[in-house]
Structure formats: C-alpha cells, structure tokens
Protein backbone atom coordinates (compact mmCIF):
# COMPACT_ATOMS: atom_id res chain seq x y z
CA UNK A 1 123.25 38.50 199.89
CA UNK A 2 120.21 38.23 197.69
CA UNK A 3 118.52 34.88 197.72
CA UNK A 4 117.45 32.95 194.68
CA UNK A 5 113.93 33.97 195.10
CA UNK A 6 114.87 37.55 195.28
CA UNK A 7 116.93 37.37 192.10
CA UNK A 8 113.96 35.72 190.31
CA UNK A 9 111.57 38.57 191.31
CA UNK A 10 114.09 41.22 190.16
CA UNK A 11 114.49 39.32 186.80
CA UNK A 12 110.69 39.28 186.38
CA UNK A 13 110.31 43.00 187.02
CA UNK A 14 112.97 43.72 184.58
CA UNK A 15 111.33 41.67 181.91
CA UNK A 16 107.98 43.41 182.73
CA UNK A 17 109.49 46.74 182.36
CA UNK A 18 111.51 45.94 179.07
CA UNK A 19 108.51 46.49 176.75
CA UNK A 20 107.63 49.89 178.27
CA UNK A 21 111.38 51.00 178.10
CA UNK A 22 111.36 50.00 174.46
CA UNK A 23 108.01 51.69 173.66
CA UNK A 24 108.63 54.94 175.42
CA UNK A 25 111.28 56.31 172.91
CA UNK A 26 108.96 55.43 170.10
CA UNK A 27 106.06 57.44 171.85
CA UNK A 28 108.32 60.30 172.33
CA UNK A 29 109.54 60.21 168.69
CA UNK A 30 105.92 60.17 167.47
CA UNK A 31 104.93 63.01 169.61
CA UNK A 32 107.87 65.11 168.40
CA UNK A 33 107.24 64.35 164.77
CA UNK A 34 103.53 65.23 165.14
CA UNK A 35 104.58 68.70 166.47
CA UNK A 36 107.40 69.55 163.99
CA UNK A 37 105.98 68.09 160.74
CA UNK A 38 103.18 70.13 159.08
CA UNK A 39 100.20 67.95 158.39
CA UNK A 40 99.17 67.56 154.69
CA UNK A 41 95.56 67.59 155.95
CA UNK A 42 96.02 71.05 157.58
CA UNK A 43 94.67 72.81 154.49
CA UNK A 44 91.35 71.49 153.13
CA UNK A 45 88.94 73.21 150.98
CA UNK A 46 85.44 72.36 149.77
CA UNK A 47 85.10 72.22 145.99
CA UNK A 48 84.03 75.57 144.47
CA UNK A 49 82.54 76.04 140.92
CA UNK A 50 84.02 78.96 139.09
CA UNK A 51 80.69 80.71 139.06
CA UNK A 52 80.42 80.60 142.86
CA UNK A 53 83.99 81.90 143.18
CA UNK A 54 83.09 84.81 140.94
CA UNK A 55 79.84 85.67 142.75
CA UNK A 56 81.26 85.34 146.31
CA UNK A 57 84.43 87.33 145.77
CA UNK A 58 85.22 90.95 146.37
CA UNK A 59 87.42 91.04 143.31
CA UNK A 60 87.86 89.00 140.06
CA UNK A 61 90.98 89.76 137.95
CA UNK A 62 93.47 88.50 135.46
CA UNK A 63 96.89 89.44 136.68
CA UNK A 64 100.49 88.87 135.68
CA UNK A 65 103.00 87.87 138.31
CA UNK A 66 105.88 90.25 137.98
CA UNK A 67 108.06 88.86 140.75
CA UNK A 68 108.19 87.24 144.06
CA UNK A 69 109.72 89.44 146.82
CA UNK A 70 111.43 88.32 150.10
CA UNK A 71 109.45 86.08 152.44
CA UNK A 72 108.53 87.48 155.79
CA UNK A 73 106.66 86.14 158.72
CA UNK A 74 105.93 82.88 157.04
CA UNK A 75 104.42 84.80 154.04
CA UNK A 76 105.46 85.05 150.50
CA UNK A 77 104.59 88.37 148.55
CA UNK A 78 104.05 88.62 144.90
CA UNK A 79 104.11 91.87 142.86
CA UNK A 80 101.38 91.78 140.27
CA UNK A 81 100.16 93.80 137.42
CA UNK A 82 96.33 93.68 136.78
CA UNK A 83 95.60 93.11 133.17
CA UNK A 84 91.79 92.56 133.25
CA UNK A 85 89.34 93.54 135.90
CA UNK A 86 85.95 91.81 135.92
CA UNK A 87 84.77 92.62 139.30
CA UNK A 88 86.22 95.03 141.97
CA UNK A 89 84.66 96.51 145.21
CA UNK A 90 86.02 99.66 146.65
CA UNK A 91 87.52 97.89 149.61
CA UNK A 92 89.33 95.35 147.28
CA UNK A 93 90.66 98.27 145.12
CA UNK A 94 92.26 99.89 148.24
CA UNK A 95 93.76 96.47 149.23
CA UNK A 96 95.25 95.93 145.81
CA UNK A 97 96.32 99.49 145.19
CA UNK A 98 100.04 98.56 145.79
CA UNK A 99 99.86 95.70 143.35
CA UNK A 100 100.87 92.92 145.90
CA UNK A 101 99.40 89.59 146.86
CA UNK A 102 100.46 87.60 150.02
CA UNK A 103 100.25 83.90 150.70
CA UNK A 104 101.46 81.49 153.31
CA UNK A 105 104.98 80.08 152.69
CA UNK A 106 103.83 76.49 153.12
CA UNK A 107 101.09 74.62 151.21
CA UNK A 108 100.10 72.87 154.51
CA UNK A 109 98.98 76.50 155.56
CA UNK A 110 97.03 77.00 152.26
CA UNK A 111 99.85 78.79 150.69
CA UNK A 112 100.03 78.90 146.83
CA UNK A 113 103.11 79.20 144.61
CA UNK A 114 102.89 81.58 141.59
CA UNK A 115 105.14 81.65 138.58
CA UNK A 116 106.65 84.90 137.57
CA UNK A 117 105.56 86.34 134.16
CA UNK A 118 102.43 83.98 134.07
CA UNK A 119 98.97 85.16 133.83
CA UNK A 120 96.46 84.10 136.50
CA UNK A 121 92.69 84.41 136.80
CA UNK A 122 92.09 85.22 140.46
CA UNK A 123 88.96 85.50 142.50
CA UNK A 124 89.35 86.32 146.15
CA UNK A 125 88.29 88.63 148.99
CA UNK A 126 91.52 90.09 150.36
CA UNK A 127 95.13 90.54 149.39
CA UNK A 128 96.03 87.47 151.31
CA UNK A 129 95.25 84.41 148.95
CA UNK A 130 95.54 80.76 149.31
CA UNK A 131 94.53 77.30 148.06
CA UNK A 132 90.92 77.75 148.87
CA UNK A 133 90.66 80.87 146.70
CA UNK A 134 90.10 80.61 142.74
CA UNK A 135 93.51 81.03 141.39
CA UNK A 136 94.09 79.40 137.97
CA UNK A 137 96.61 79.95 135.13
CA UNK A 138 94.60 81.89 132.54
CA UNK A 139 95.87 79.72 129.81
CA UNK A 140 94.21 76.67 131.52
CA UNK A 141 90.71 78.05 131.44
CA UNK A 142 88.25 76.84 128.78
CA UNK A 143 86.76 79.52 126.53
CA UNK A 144 83.35 79.14 128.57
CA UNK A 145 85.21 79.81 131.81
CA UNK A 146 86.98 82.80 130.45
CA UNK A 147 83.59 84.20 129.09
CA UNK A 148 82.09 83.26 132.49
CA UNK A 149 84.54 85.43 134.43
CA UNK A 150 84.09 88.26 131.86
CA UNK A 151 80.38 88.53 132.55
CA UNK A 152 78.17 85.32 132.02
CA UNK A 153 78.57 84.20 135.57
CA UNK A 154 77.37 87.46 136.89
CA UNK A 155 73.89 86.63 135.35
CA UNK A 156 73.61 83.61 137.56
CA UNK A 157 74.77 85.06 140.95
CA UNK A 158 71.23 84.83 142.35
CA UNK A 159 71.28 81.00 141.71
CA UNK A 160 72.88 78.72 144.19
CA UNK A 161 75.28 76.04 142.88
CA UNK A 162 75.05 73.14 145.42
CA UNK A 163 77.79 70.47 145.47
CA UNK A 164 76.32 66.99 145.29
CA UNK A 165 78.49 64.06 146.56
CA UNK A 166 76.01 61.32 145.91
CA UNK A 167 74.68 59.47 142.91
CA UNK A 168 71.48 61.54 143.07
CA UNK A 169 70.53 64.67 145.15
CA UNK A 170 67.28 66.34 145.44
CA UNK A 171 66.78 69.39 143.28
CA UNK A 172 65.94 72.47 145.23
CA UNK A 173 64.33 75.55 143.91
CA UNK A 174 66.63 78.39 142.88
CA UNK A 175 69.74 76.44 142.28
CA UNK A 176 71.64 73.80 140.35
CA UNK A 177 73.14 70.62 141.71
CA UNK A 178 76.90 70.13 140.83
CA UNK A 179 78.76 66.84 140.99
CA UNK A 180 82.35 67.99 141.16
CA UNK A 181 83.98 64.60 141.29
CA UNK A 182 82.13 63.06 138.40
CA UNK A 183 82.50 63.37 134.53
CA UNK A 184 79.17 65.27 134.45
CA UNK A 185 80.57 67.66 137.18
CA UNK A 186 83.65 68.22 134.90
CA UNK A 187 81.35 69.33 132.16
CA UNK A 188 79.46 71.62 134.51
CA UNK A 189 82.84 73.11 135.78
CA UNK A 190 84.53 73.64 132.42
CA UNK A 191 81.44 74.43 130.26
CA UNK A 192 78.49 75.32 132.34
CA UNK A 193 76.93 78.19 134.12
CA UNK A 194 73.88 78.16 136.37
CA UNK A 195 71.37 80.71 135.31
CA UNK A 196 67.69 81.60 136.22
CA UNK A 197 64.96 80.00 134.29
CA UNK A 198 61.58 81.75 134.08
CA UNK A 199 59.88 83.71 136.86
CA UNK A 200 61.41 85.20 139.96
CA UNK A 201 60.19 85.92 143.54
CA UNK A 202 59.24 89.51 144.48
CA UNK A 203 62.72 90.03 145.85
CA UNK A 204 64.27 89.16 142.60
CA UNK A 205 65.46 85.65 143.48
CA UNK A 206 64.89 83.02 140.86
CA UNK A 207 62.18 80.47 141.44
CA UNK A 208 64.08 77.99 139.21
CA UNK A 209 67.64 77.83 137.84
CA UNK A 210 69.29 75.47 135.33
CA UNK A 211 72.57 74.68 133.70
CA UNK A 212 73.03 76.78 130.57
CA UNK A 213 73.65 74.09 127.93
CA UNK A 214 76.25 75.67 125.59
CA UNK A 215 77.28 73.61 122.54
CA UNK A 216 80.58 72.82 124.28
CA UNK A 217 78.70 71.60 127.36
CA UNK A 218 76.68 69.35 125.17
CA UNK A 219 79.78 68.03 123.39
CA UNK A 220 81.50 67.28 126.80
CA UNK A 221 78.37 65.50 128.01
CA UNK A 222 78.11 63.42 124.85
CA UNK A 223 81.70 62.48 125.09
CA UNK A 224 81.21 61.22 128.61
CA UNK A 225 77.77 59.59 127.83
CA UNK A 226 76.04 62.00 130.06
CA UNK A 227 77.47 60.34 133.22
C-alpha cells in the first residue's frame, strides 16, 4: 500500500509532466502545419525595371491568352497567340513554337494566373514563366513603357539600372540608380529609360548613363515634388 510520501512524489511528477503533455500536441500541430501549408514567403523576387527585364530576356512579346489547358504535375498551361514580337532569340522561338506557356499552379511557387482573351506584355527566358518574370496586362502599361518595349529600352541595354533602397546611393559609372519603392522610382519605372550619355569605352560600354527625361517623366516628377 503506497505511503503518504509516495503519493505526494507521484502527484508532484504528474504536475511536472502536465505542461509537457499539454505542449506536445501544439508542437506536433505546428510542425504539421509548417509542412502542409505553403509559405507566402516561398516566392520572393527582386524589383526589376521594365528596361532590365527587356534587356535580360530571351524574348519580349505581346501575347493574347486564348485559353487555359488542363493542369498537370502542378503546372498550368496557357495557349497563347503572339501579337507583337519585340525581341526573340532562336532558342526562344523554338520554345514558343507551339504557342504555350507553363507556370506553377500555386503562387507560393511563383505561379501566375493569366486571364483568357487578355493581352499581356511578357519578357522572359523560357516557356516556363512566373512571378519573377515581367508579365503585365498590356493595357496597364504607360505609353512610355509600350514605346520602351517596342525599341527605346534596347538603346539602353549597355547601361546598368541599379536598385537603390536607401535615401541616397552612390552614382556609379555606366548606370542609373533606381529607387523602386519611392515616388521618384515610380516615375522612373513608368516614364523613364536609362540611356548612354556621351562617350563610351573601347568595348562600347558607356562611360556615363542617365535617365531619359521625357515630358511625361518631368510631369510625374513635378507631381511628386521630385521626391
């Protein structure tokens, strides 16, 4: 027969183990949720100016989405019709010969959703596209962005557009600073192109580049007080 002292020790052990017994299901639940639920942070992309997207891509097109085909292996497929072709390498031409683009079924894996019958401006490197590629409804582009994709951006492909995330960044030769999260950056994105200014090195790279100040760029900067 247990003594009073033994009962007390057993009671103390049960009290000591109770927090762990309550915590264990929560830890297991948290572990399962972490595995099963896709993280919203799984897809992250650095900001990219439209000119950089143009210059770094194998193809730049305006395409109409005809329809979405059946999903397979976690990929959605879209049948497209190319309406305008601004840039196209031979490799890209072969990839797009069947008029199909593929994307991950989930946005957490950088998948994109395209609307049938809608026109999109697309700059990418393969027939597998995602959130980190330049994919914009063509109707959402400004007139400067449309002209940029049509040829103006090509003139600045030897210039480097460098994202700047501070109040002030050092200006480096052969490039333009770009502040994507500021009002100035909005103007540079929607109405600006970075083009060579003056002399070049022997290999053709520009010594200096600057933002091409179109009238609409000036109006945008004035509206935002140059900030």
